[in-house]
C-alpha atoms as a PDB file:
ATOM      1  CA  MET A   1     201.982 130.536 327.344  1.00  0.00           C
ATOM      2  CA  ASN A   2     202.331 128.798 330.680  1.00  0.00           C
ATOM      3  CA  SER A   3     205.347 126.506 330.711  1.00  0.00           C
ATOM      4  CA  THR A   4     204.489 123.288 332.533  1.00  0.00           C
ATOM      5  CA  THR A   5     206.946 120.704 333.856  1.00  0.00           C
ATOM      6  CA  LEU A   6     205.456 117.315 333.181  1.00  0.00           C
ATOM      7  CA  ALA A   7     205.869 114.141 335.242  1.00  0.00           C
ATOM      8  CA  PRO A   8     209.382 112.695 334.636  1.00  0.00           C
ATOM      9  CA  ARG A   9     210.310 109.080 334.150  1.00  0.00           C
ATOM     10  CA  ALA A  10     212.192 107.235 336.856  1.00  0.00           C
ATOM     11  CA  GLY A  11     215.801 108.407 336.962  1.00  0.00           C
ATOM     12  CA  ALA A  12     215.228 111.310 334.589  1.00  0.00           C
ATOM     13  CA  VAL A  13     215.755 114.910 335.618  1.00  0.00           C
ATOM     14  CA  PRO A  14     212.713 116.990 334.641  1.00  0.00           C
ATOM     15  CA  GLU A  15     213.412 120.176 332.746  1.00  0.00           C
ATOM     16  CA  PRO A  16     210.991 122.681 331.290  1.00  0.00           C
ATOM     17  CA  LEU A  17     211.166 122.671 327.506  1.00  0.00           C
ATOM     18  CA  VAL A  18     210.919 125.388 324.901  1.00  0.00           C
ATOM     19  CA  ASP A  19     210.946 125.514 321.142  1.00  0.00           C
ATOM     20  CA  ILE A  20     212.269 128.838 319.878  1.00  0.00           C
ATOM     21  CA  ALA A  21     210.741 128.235 316.444  1.00  0.00           C
ATOM     22  CA  SER A  22     207.400 129.236 317.955  1.00  0.00           C
ATOM     23  CA  ILE A  23     208.743 131.950 320.244  1.00  0.00           C
ATOM     24  CA  SER A  24     206.152 134.390 318.982  1.00  0.00           C
ATOM     25  CA  SER A  25     203.343 132.285 320.415  1.00  0.00           C
ATOM     26  CA  ARG A  26     205.145 132.003 323.750  1.00  0.00           C
ATOM     27  CA  LEU A  27     205.683 135.754 323.906  1.00  0.00           C
ATOM     28  CA  PHE A  28     201.998 136.250 323.220  1.00  0.00           C
ATOM     29  CA  TRP A  29     200.982 134.178 326.225  1.00  0.00           C
ATOM     30  CA  LEU A  30     203.786 135.598 328.379  1.00  0.00           C
ATOM     31  CA  VAL A  31     202.481 139.123 327.826  1.00  0.00           C
ATOM     32  CA  ARG A  32     198.900 137.955 328.328  1.00  0.00           C
ATOM     33  CA  ASN A  33     199.678 136.283 331.642  1.00  0.00           C
ATOM     34  CA  SER A  34     201.807 139.222 332.771  1.00  0.00           C
ATOM     35  CA  MET A  35     198.932 141.612 332.170  1.00  0.00           C
ATOM     36  CA  SER A  36     196.611 139.388 334.197  1.00  0.00           C
ATOM     37  CA  GLY A  37     199.004 139.340 337.162  1.00  0.00           C
ATOM     38  CA  ALA A  38     200.244 135.792 336.622  1.00  0.00           C
ATOM     39  CA  ALA A  39     203.836 136.671 335.740  1.00  0.00           C
ATOM     40  CA  ALA A  40     205.078 135.711 339.217  1.00  0.00           C
ATOM     41  CA  GLY A  41     204.115 132.088 338.659  1.00  0.00           C
ATOM     42  CA  LEU A  42     206.043 131.645 335.392  1.00  0.00           C
ATOM     43  CA  HIS A  43     209.139 129.448 335.284  1.00  0.00           C
ATOM     44  CA  LEU A  44     211.598 130.089 332.492  1.00  0.00           C
ATOM     45  CA  PRO A  45     212.832 126.941 330.695  1.00  0.00           C
ATOM     46  CA  ALA A  46     216.366 125.721 331.272  1.00  0.00           C
ATOM     47  CA  THR A  47     216.736 123.792 328.011  1.00  0.00           C
ATOM     48  CA  VAL A  48     216.296 125.352 324.578  1.00  0.00           C
ATOM     49  CA  PHE A  49     215.624 123.354 321.428  1.00  0.00           C
ATOM     50  CA  THR A  50     216.160 124.917 318.042  1.00  0.00           C
ATOM     51  CA  ARG A  51     214.183 122.331 316.025  1.00  0.00           C
ATOM     52  CA  PHE A  52     210.613 121.217 316.364  1.00  0.00           C
ATOM     53  CA  SER A  53     211.572 117.570 315.975  1.00  0.00           C
ATOM     54  CA  ASP A  54     213.917 117.791 318.969  1.00  0.00           C
ATOM     55  CA  ALA A  55     211.220 119.418 321.078  1.00  0.00           C
ATOM     56  CA  VAL A  56     208.668 116.764 320.108  1.00  0.00           C
ATOM     57  CA  ALA A  57     211.058 113.921 320.873  1.00  0.00           C
ATOM     58  CA  ALA A  58     212.038 115.391 324.240  1.00  0.00           C
ATOM     59  CA  ARG A  59     208.468 116.095 325.234  1.00  0.00           C
ATOM     60  CA  ASP A  60     207.360 112.594 324.289  1.00  0.00           C
ATOM     61  CA  ALA A  61     210.244 111.135 326.279  1.00  0.00           C
ATOM     62  CA  ILE A  62     209.149 112.963 329.450  1.00  0.00           C
ATOM     63  CA  ASP A  63     205.357 112.862 329.241  1.00  0.00           C
ATOM     64  CA  GLU A  64     203.857 109.410 329.672  1.00  0.00           C
ATOM     65  CA  THR A  65     200.346 110.711 330.352  1.00  0.00           C
ATOM     66  CA  PRO A  66     197.984 109.088 327.841  1.00  0.00           C
ATOM     67  CA  PRO A  67     196.064 111.652 325.779  1.00  0.00           C
ATOM     68  CA  LEU A  68     192.338 112.085 326.248  1.00  0.00           C
ATOM     69  CA  SER A  69     189.954 111.465 323.375  1.00  0.00           C
ATOM     70  CA  ASP A  70     187.693 114.375 324.357  1.00  0.00           C
ATOM     71  CA  HIS A  71     188.516 117.648 326.013  1.00  0.00           C
ATOM     72  CA  PRO A  72     187.331 117.763 329.664  1.00  0.00           C
ATOM     73  CA  GLN A  73     185.260 120.860 328.847  1.00  0.00           C
ATOM     74  CA  GLY A  74     183.988 119.516 325.539  1.00  0.00           C
ATOM     75  CA  LEU A  75     186.031 122.050 323.579  1.00  0.00           C
ATOM     76  CA  CYS A  76     187.539 119.712 321.007  1.00  0.00           C
ATOM     77  CA  ARG A  77     188.432 116.109 320.234  1.00  0.00           C
ATOM     78  CA  LEU A  78     191.732 114.453 319.475  1.00  0.00           C
ATOM     79  CA  HIS A  79     192.835 115.148 315.869  1.00  0.00           C
ATOM     80  CA  ASP A  80     190.330 117.996 315.490  1.00  0.00           C
ATOM     81  CA  ASP A  81     191.288 121.056 313.438  1.00  0.00           C
ATOM     82  CA  VAL A  82     191.340 124.162 315.650  1.00  0.00           C
ATOM     83  CA  ILE A  83     192.433 127.790 315.573  1.00  0.00           C
ATOM     84  CA  VAL A  84     194.809 128.952 318.312  1.00  0.00           C
ATOM     85  CA  ASP A  85     194.109 132.540 319.268  1.00  0.00           C
ATOM     86  CA  GLY A  86     196.952 134.784 318.153  1.00  0.00           C
ATOM     87  CA  VAL A  87     198.892 131.912 316.569  1.00  0.00           C
ATOM     88  CA  GLY A  88     196.955 130.303 313.742  1.00  0.00           C
ATOM     89  CA  PRO A  89     195.290 127.058 312.638  1.00  0.00           C
ATOM     90  CA  GLY A  90     196.517 123.638 313.678  1.00  0.00           C
ATOM     91  CA  ARG A  91     195.522 120.116 314.615  1.00  0.00           C
ATOM     92  CA  VAL A  92     195.051 118.704 318.105  1.00  0.00           C
ATOM     93  CA  ASN A  93     197.483 115.832 318.741  1.00  0.00           C
ATOM     94  CA  TRP A  94     197.339 115.711 322.553  1.00  0.00           C
ATOM     95  CA  ILE A  95     194.736 116.611 325.171  1.00  0.00           C
ATOM     96  CA  HIS A  96     196.151 116.718 328.710  1.00  0.00           C
ATOM     97  CA  PRO A  97     193.875 115.881 331.663  1.00  0.00           C
ATOM     98  CA  SER A  98     194.544 119.398 332.983  1.00  0.00           C
ATOM     99  CA  GLY A  99     192.726 120.818 329.972  1.00  0.00           C
ATOM    100  CA  ASP A 100     195.761 122.083 328.069  1.00  0.00           C
ATOM    101  CA  VAL A 101     195.852 121.138 324.407  1.00  0.00           C
ATOM    102  CA  ARG A 102     198.918 120.309 322.359  1.00  0.00           C
ATOM    103  CA  VAL A 103     198.563 121.528 318.791  1.00  0.00           C
ATOM    104  CA  GLU A 104     200.550 120.882 315.652  1.00  0.00           C
ATOM    105  CA  LEU A 105     200.481 124.168 313.788  1.00  0.00           C
ATOM    106  CA  VAL A 106     199.733 124.147 310.073  1.00  0.00           C
ATOM    107  CA  ARG A 107     202.540 126.579 309.313  1.00  0.00           C
ATOM    108  CA  HIS A 108     205.033 124.481 311.329  1.00  0.00           C
ATOM    109  CA  PRO A 109     204.481 120.776 310.553  1.00  0.00           C
ATOM    110  CA  GLY A 110     205.823 118.555 313.296  1.00  0.00           C
ATOM    111  CA  SER A 111     205.427 121.189 316.002  1.00  0.00           C
ATOM    112  CA  ALA A 112     204.205 120.260 319.478  1.00  0.00           C
ATOM    113  CA  GLU A 113     202.996 123.267 321.435  1.00  0.00           C
ATOM    114  CA  PHE A 114     200.789 123.197 324.535  1.00  0.00           C
ATOM    115  CA  TYR A 115     198.142 125.922 324.777  1.00  0.00           C
ATOM    116  CA  PRO A 116     195.693 126.622 327.601  1.00  0.00           C
ATOM    117  CA  VAL A 117     191.987 126.248 327.065  1.00  0.00           C
ATOM    118  CA  ALA A 118     191.583 130.016 326.600  1.00  0.00           C
ATOM    119  CA  ALA A 119     193.834 129.884 323.537  1.00  0.00           C
ATOM    120  CA  ILE A 120     191.658 127.480 321.554  1.00  0.00           C
ATOM    121  CA  ARG A 121     189.358 129.909 319.840  1.00  0.00           C
ATOM    122  CA  ARG A 122     187.120 127.606 317.841  1.00  0.00           C
ATOM    123  CA  ALA A 123     187.008 124.299 316.056  1.00  0.00           C
ATOM    124  CA  VAL A 124     187.265 124.524 312.294  1.00  0.00           C
ATOM    125  CA  ALA A 125     184.419 122.446 310.917  1.00  0.00           C
ATOM    126  CA  PRO A 126     184.768 121.321 307.308  1.00  0.00           C
ATOM    127  CA  ARG A 127     182.693 123.535 305.043  1.00  0.00           C
ATOM    128  CA  PRO A 128     179.656 121.657 303.789  1.00  0.00           C
ATOM    129  CA  ARG A 129     179.827 120.828 300.118  1.00  0.00           C
ATOM    130  CA  PHE A 130     176.930 122.300 298.221  1.00  0.00           C
ATOM    131  CA  GLU A 131     175.317 119.558 296.172  1.00  0.00           C
ATOM    132  CA  HIS A 132     173.130 121.973 294.166  1.00  0.00           C
ATOM    133  CA  GLU A 133     173.479 125.463 292.798  1.00  0.00           C
ATOM    134  CA  VAL A 134     170.776 127.843 291.591  1.00  0.00           C
ATOM    135  CA  VAL A 135     171.150 128.598 287.871  1.00  0.00           C
ATOM    136  CA  PRO A 136     169.039 130.360 285.211  1.00  0.00           C
ATOM    137  CA  VAL A 137     167.378 128.035 282.697  1.00  0.00           C
ATOM    138  CA  GLY A 138     165.436 128.468 279.483  1.00  0.00           C
ATOM    139  CA  LEU A 139     161.808 127.515 278.944  1.00  0.00           C
ATOM    140  CA  ARG A 140     162.575 124.435 276.838  1.00  0.00           C
ATOM    141  CA  GLU A 141     164.975 123.049 279.425  1.00  0.00           C
ATOM    142  CA  ALA A 142     162.561 123.913 282.251  1.00  0.00           C
ATOM    143  CA  ASN A 143     159.642 122.177 280.519  1.00  0.00           C
ATOM    144  CA  LEU A 144     161.652 118.975 280.170  1.00  0.00           C
ATOM    145  CA  VAL A 145     162.148 118.955 283.945  1.00  0.00           C
ATOM    146  CA  VAL A 146     158.484 119.829 284.587  1.00  0.00           C
ATOM    147  CA  GLU A 147     157.252 116.953 282.444  1.00  0.00           C
ATOM    148  CA  ARG A 148     159.655 114.613 284.227  1.00  0.00           C
ATOM    149  CA  LEU A 149     159.139 115.680 287.847  1.00  0.00           C
ATOM    150  CA  HIS A 150     155.816 117.511 288.290  1.00  0.00           C
ATOM    151  CA  ARG A 151     153.154 115.458 289.986  1.00  0.00           C
ATOM    152  CA  ARG A 152     150.130 116.658 288.015  1.00  0.00           C
ATOM    153  CA  LEU A 153     150.733 119.475 285.523  1.00  0.00           C
ATOM    154  CA  GLY A 154     152.573 119.530 282.230  1.00  0.00           C
ATOM    155  CA  LYS A 155     154.737 122.035 280.426  1.00  0.00           C
ATOM    156  CA  VAL A 156     154.227 125.821 280.432  1.00  0.00           C
ATOM    157  CA  GLN A 157     153.239 127.693 277.261  1.00  0.00           C
ATOM    158  CA  GLY A 158     155.149 130.904 277.985  1.00  0.00           C
ATOM    159  CA  HIS A 159     157.239 132.467 280.725  1.00  0.00           C
ATOM    160  CA  LYS A 160     159.147 135.519 281.929  1.00  0.00           C
ATOM    161  CA  PHE A 161     162.116 133.686 283.419  1.00  0.00           C
ATOM    162  CA  ALA A 162     162.968 130.407 285.141  1.00  0.00           C
ATOM    163  CA  VAL A 163     165.553 129.147 287.637  1.00  0.00           C
ATOM    164  CA  GLY A 164     166.767 125.643 288.335  1.00  0.00           C
ATOM    165  CA  LEU A 165     168.623 123.527 290.888  1.00  0.00           C
ATOM    166  CA  ARG A 166     171.619 121.992 289.151  1.00  0.00           C
ATOM    167  CA  ARG A 167     173.719 119.237 290.719  1.00  0.00           C
ATOM    168  CA  VAL A 168     177.310 120.352 291.087  1.00  0.00           C
ATOM    169  CA  ALA A 169     178.647 116.826 290.549  1.00  0.00           C
ATOM    170  CA  ASP A 170     177.171 116.042 287.129  1.00  0.00           C
ATOM    171  CA  GLN A 171     175.396 119.306 286.126  1.00  0.00           C
ATOM    172  CA  GLU A 172     171.968 117.636 285.969  1.00  0.00           C
ATOM    173  CA  LEU A 173     168.824 119.598 286.849  1.00  0.00           C
ATOM    174  CA  ASP A 174     166.940 118.301 289.893  1.00  0.00           C
ATOM    175  CA  GLY A 175     164.278 121.021 289.945  1.00  0.00           C
ATOM    176  CA  VAL A 176     162.966 124.158 288.265  1.00  0.00           C
ATOM    177  CA  ALA A 177     160.648 127.081 289.019  1.00  0.00           C
ATOM    178  CA  VAL A 178     158.967 128.950 286.163  1.00  0.00           C
ATOM    179  CA  CYS A 179     157.696 132.530 286.474  1.00  0.00           C
ATOM    180  CA  ALA A 180     155.225 133.986 283.954  1.00  0.00           C
ATOM    181  CA  ARG A 181     152.498 136.615 283.536  1.00  0.00           C
ATOM    182  CA  PRO A 182     149.470 136.138 285.814  1.00  0.00           C
ATOM    183  CA  VAL A 183     146.714 134.025 284.293  1.00  0.00           C
ATOM    184  CA  ALA A 184     144.024 136.197 285.922  1.00  0.00           C
ATOM    185  CA  ARG A 185     143.717 139.417 283.909  1.00  0.00           C
ATOM    186  CA  HIS A 186     142.902 141.595 286.926  1.00  0.00           C
ATOM    187  CA  LEU A 187     146.294 140.671 288.421  1.00  0.00           C
ATOM    188  CA  ASP A 188     148.235 141.376 285.238  1.00  0.00           C
ATOM    189  CA  ASP A 189     149.241 144.946 286.133  1.00  0.00           C
ATOM    190  CA  GLY A 190     152.833 144.722 284.956  1.00  0.00           C
ATOM    191  CA  LEU A 191     154.167 144.604 288.515  1.00  0.00           C
ATOM    192  CA  THR A 192     152.815 141.171 289.490  1.00  0.00           C
ATOM    193  CA  ALA A 193     154.272 137.873 288.306  1.00  0.00           C
ATOM    194  CA  GLU A 194     152.961 134.349 288.744  1.00  0.00           C
ATOM    195  CA  VAL A 195     154.984 131.301 289.694  1.00  0.00           C
ATOM    196  CA  ARG A 196     153.468 128.932 287.189  1.00  0.00           C
ATOM    197  CA  ARG A 197     155.389 125.726 287.966  1.00  0.00           C
ATOM    198  CA  VAL A 198     157.663 124.395 290.700  1.00  0.00           C
ATOM    199  CA  ALA A 199     158.949 120.876 290.097  1.00  0.00           C
ATOM    200  CA  VAL A 200     161.651 119.312 292.281  1.00  0.00           C
ATOM    201  CA  ASP A 201     163.025 115.818 292.725  1.00  0.00           C
ATOM    202  CA  PRO A 202     161.675 114.511 296.080  1.00  0.00           C
ATOM    203  CA  SER A 203     165.184 113.491 297.143  1.00  0.00           C
ATOM    204  CA  VAL A 204     166.339 117.154 297.278  1.00  0.00           C
ATOM    205  CA  THR A 205     165.932 118.504 300.810  1.00  0.00           C
ATOM    206  CA  ASN A 206     164.020 121.823 300.913  1.00  0.00           C
ATOM    207  CA  GLY A 207     164.319 122.079 297.132  1.00  0.00           C
ATOM    208  CA  CYS A 208     160.975 123.852 296.643  1.00  0.00           C
ATOM    209  CA  THR A 209     161.766 126.438 299.314  1.00  0.00           C
ATOM    210  CA  LYS A 210     165.176 127.140 297.767  1.00  0.00           C
ATOM    211  CA  LEU A 211     163.662 127.682 294.341  1.00  0.00           C
ATOM    212  CA  LEU A 212     160.870 129.884 295.675  1.00  0.00           C
ATOM    213  CA  GLY A 213     163.406 132.025 297.506  1.00  0.00           C
ATOM    214  CA  ALA A 214     165.613 132.313 294.414  1.00  0.00           C
ATOM    215  CA  ILE A 215     162.726 133.238 292.131  1.00  0.00           C
ATOM    216  CA  ALA A 216     161.536 135.887 294.608  1.00  0.00           C
ATOM    217  CA  LYS A 217     164.994 137.506 294.684  1.00  0.00           C
ATOM    218  CA  ALA A 218     165.145 137.512 290.889  1.00  0.00           C
ATOM    219  CA  ALA A 219     161.649 139.007 290.561  1.00  0.00           C
ATOM    220  CA  SER A 220     162.407 141.690 293.136  1.00  0.00           C
ATOM    221  CA  ALA A 221     165.600 142.645 291.296  1.00  0.00           C
ATOM    222  CA  MET A 222     163.583 142.983 288.077  1.00  0.00           C
ATOM    223  CA  GLY A 223     161.177 145.423 289.770  1.00  0.00           C
ATOM    224  CA  TYR A 224     158.156 143.222 290.480  1.00  0.00           C
ATOM    225  CA  ARG A 225     156.181 144.099 293.591  1.00  0.00           C
ATOM    226  CA  ARG A 226     154.262 140.888 294.178  1.00  0.00           C
ATOM    227  CA  LEU A 227     154.278 137.210 293.269  1.00  0.00           C
ATOM    228  CA  VAL A 228     151.239 134.947 293.143  1.00  0.00           C
ATOM    229  CA  THR A 229     150.766 131.223 292.707  1.00  0.00           C
ATOM    230  CA  TYR A 230     148.097 128.574 293.155  1.00  0.00           C
ATOM    231  CA  THR A 231     147.938 125.203 294.892  1.00  0.00           C
ATOM    232  CA  ALA A 232     145.265 122.524 295.036  1.00  0.00           C
ATOM    233  CA  GLU A 233     142.994 122.631 298.073  1.00  0.00           C
ATOM    234  CA  GLY A 234     144.386 119.341 299.325  1.00  0.00           C
ATOM    235  CA  GLU A 235     147.992 120.574 299.437  1.00  0.00           C
ATOM    236  CA  GLY A 236     149.458 121.900 302.673  1.00  0.00           C
ATOM    237  CA  GLY A 237     151.789 124.557 301.272  1.00  0.00           C
ATOM    238  CA  ALA A 238     154.631 123.955 303.742  1.00  0.00           C
ATOM    239  CA  SER A 239     157.275 125.093 301.245  1.00  0.00           C
ATOM    240  CA  LEU A 240     155.347 128.291 300.526  1.00  0.00           C
ATOM    241  CA  TYR A 241     155.012 129.076 304.222  1.00  0.00           C
ATOM    242  CA  ALA A 242     158.743 128.469 304.686  1.00  0.00           C
ATOM    243  CA  ALA A 243     159.552 130.841 301.799  1.00  0.00           C
ATOM    244  CA  GLY A 244     157.425 133.655 303.256  1.00  0.00           C
ATOM    245  CA  TRP A 245     154.251 133.302 301.179  1.00  0.00           C
ATOM    246  CA  ASP A 246     150.736 133.865 302.557  1.00  0.00           C
ATOM    247  CA  PRO A 247     147.376 132.361 301.483  1.00  0.00           C
ATOM    248  CA  ILE A 248     145.056 135.228 300.510  1.00  0.00           C
ATOM    249  CA  GLY A 249     141.925 133.401 299.299  1.00  0.00           C
ATOM    250  CA  ARG A 250     140.520 130.840 296.900  1.00  0.00           C
ATOM    251  CA  SER A 251     139.934 131.036 293.194  1.00  0.00           C
ATOM    252  CA  ALA A 252     136.488 130.519 291.685  1.00  0.00           C
ATOM    253  CA  GLY A 253     137.618 127.496 289.656  1.00  0.00           C
ATOM    254  CA  GLY A 254     135.917 126.309 286.515  1.00  0.00           C
ATOM    255  CA  HIS A 255     136.895 125.911 282.877  1.00  0.00           C
ATOM    256  CA  TRP A 256     138.710 128.713 281.021  1.00  0.00           C
ATOM    257  CA  GLY A 257     137.226 127.848 277.636  1.00  0.00           C
ATOM    258  CA  SER A 258     134.270 129.608 276.011  1.00  0.00           C
ATOM    259  CA  ALA A 259     132.211 129.320 272.829  1.00  0.00           C
ATOM    260  CA  GLY A 260     134.169 132.093 271.136  1.00  0.00           C
ATOM    261  CA  ARG A 261     137.526 130.824 272.383  1.00  0.00           C
ATOM    262  CA  PRO A 262     137.424 127.126 273.125  1.00  0.00           C
ATOM    263  CA  ARG A 263     140.226 125.705 275.237  1.00  0.00           C
ATOM    264  CA  LYS A 264     141.215 122.217 276.170  1.00  0.00           C
ATOM    265  CA  ALA A 265     140.203 121.301 279.691  1.00  0.00           C
ATOM    266  CA  GLY A 266     143.101 121.040 282.126  1.00  0.00           C
ATOM    267  CA  PRO A 267     143.787 118.210 284.565  1.00  0.00           C
ATOM    268  CA  GLU A 268     142.374 120.218 287.487  1.00  0.00           C
ATOM    269  CA  GLU A 269     139.539 122.656 287.014  1.00  0.00           C
ATOM    270  CA  GLY A 270     138.428 122.960 290.658  1.00  0.00           C
ATOM    271  CA  ARG A 271     138.988 125.752 293.155  1.00  0.00           C
ATOM    272  CA  LYS A 272     142.530 126.496 294.205  1.00  0.00           C
ATOM    273  CA  VAL A 273     144.222 128.289 297.085  1.00  0.00           C
ATOM    274  CA  VAL A 274     145.739 131.618 296.033  1.00  0.00           C
ATOM    275  CA  TRP A 275     149.105 132.499 297.550  1.00  0.00           C
ATOM    276  CA  ALA A 276     150.921 135.828 297.422  1.00  0.00           C
ATOM    277  CA  LYS A 277     154.374 137.045 298.358  1.00  0.00           C
ATOM    278  CA  VAL A 278     154.884 140.781 298.764  1.00  0.00           C
ATOM    279  CA  LEU A 279     158.263 141.853 297.442  1.00  0.00           C
ATOM    280  CA  ARG A 280     158.067 145.601 298.038  1.00  0.00           C
ATOM    281  CA  GLY A 281     155.696 148.508 298.625  1.00  0.00           C
ATOM    282  CA  GLU A 282     152.931 146.625 300.490  1.00  0.00           C
ATOM    283  CA  GLU A 283     152.281 144.937 303.796  1.00  0.00           C
ATOM    284  CA  ARG A 284     151.951 141.184 303.937  1.00  0.00           C
ATOM    285  CA  GLU A 285     148.375 139.961 303.758  1.00  0.00           C
ATOM    286  CA  ARG A 286     147.349 137.274 306.226  1.00  0.00           C
END
């Protein structure tokens, strides 16, 4: 590390300072500068402090330069958490106009070490807290969510498996996706599954896409080769596009009931857009 003599107060004799408690970090930068041909410009300190608190007090007594709020090169801000290359994590407590950064190391509370801009490897951003987690759910639990959140359709009669988005805070379900056998008999080859329902609370960002991705991974792990689903002709299908699905045609529509096997008419009997997602063994259809 470059040792810098800061501007002294009136009547004070400036002396370079060192804190031997962090001698390993100083040796690191001494070797680094020596290898780059900068050893001739180094000035060894005349005063040695054995405690961090003494070094901090002495440095504060000499340096009257007000700290900057932002680094001149946009590297960090005052009080940001950073990682010092070769030293470890710490917090910025001083940014000098020259660009050097004074860091209080996590492993040495109360420390006050200046590091050049090349030493600040990266800012440590706080890890985002996941508000939802993908969990397996049963059909009864999934149908309760479908009846509560789906815009048009009701509960599913049968299924293969289902996944849900559960809030980490209170363990409540904010969305489900239900996978079942294909309704169309010519698609029911044992290797194709149908996403029968996707119901998500509108307040969940990208909830449909997350569920579609999770259900595709689960189906692929179970050995399915293709997934299919249907949407109304007036729907855009943005979530399906984002999850890697492709529209492959339109269904004929009409009522499923017959004289020999009467069925109750559903809420939507018109034509629908057929979507498919290839999981393995085929090329995507566009």
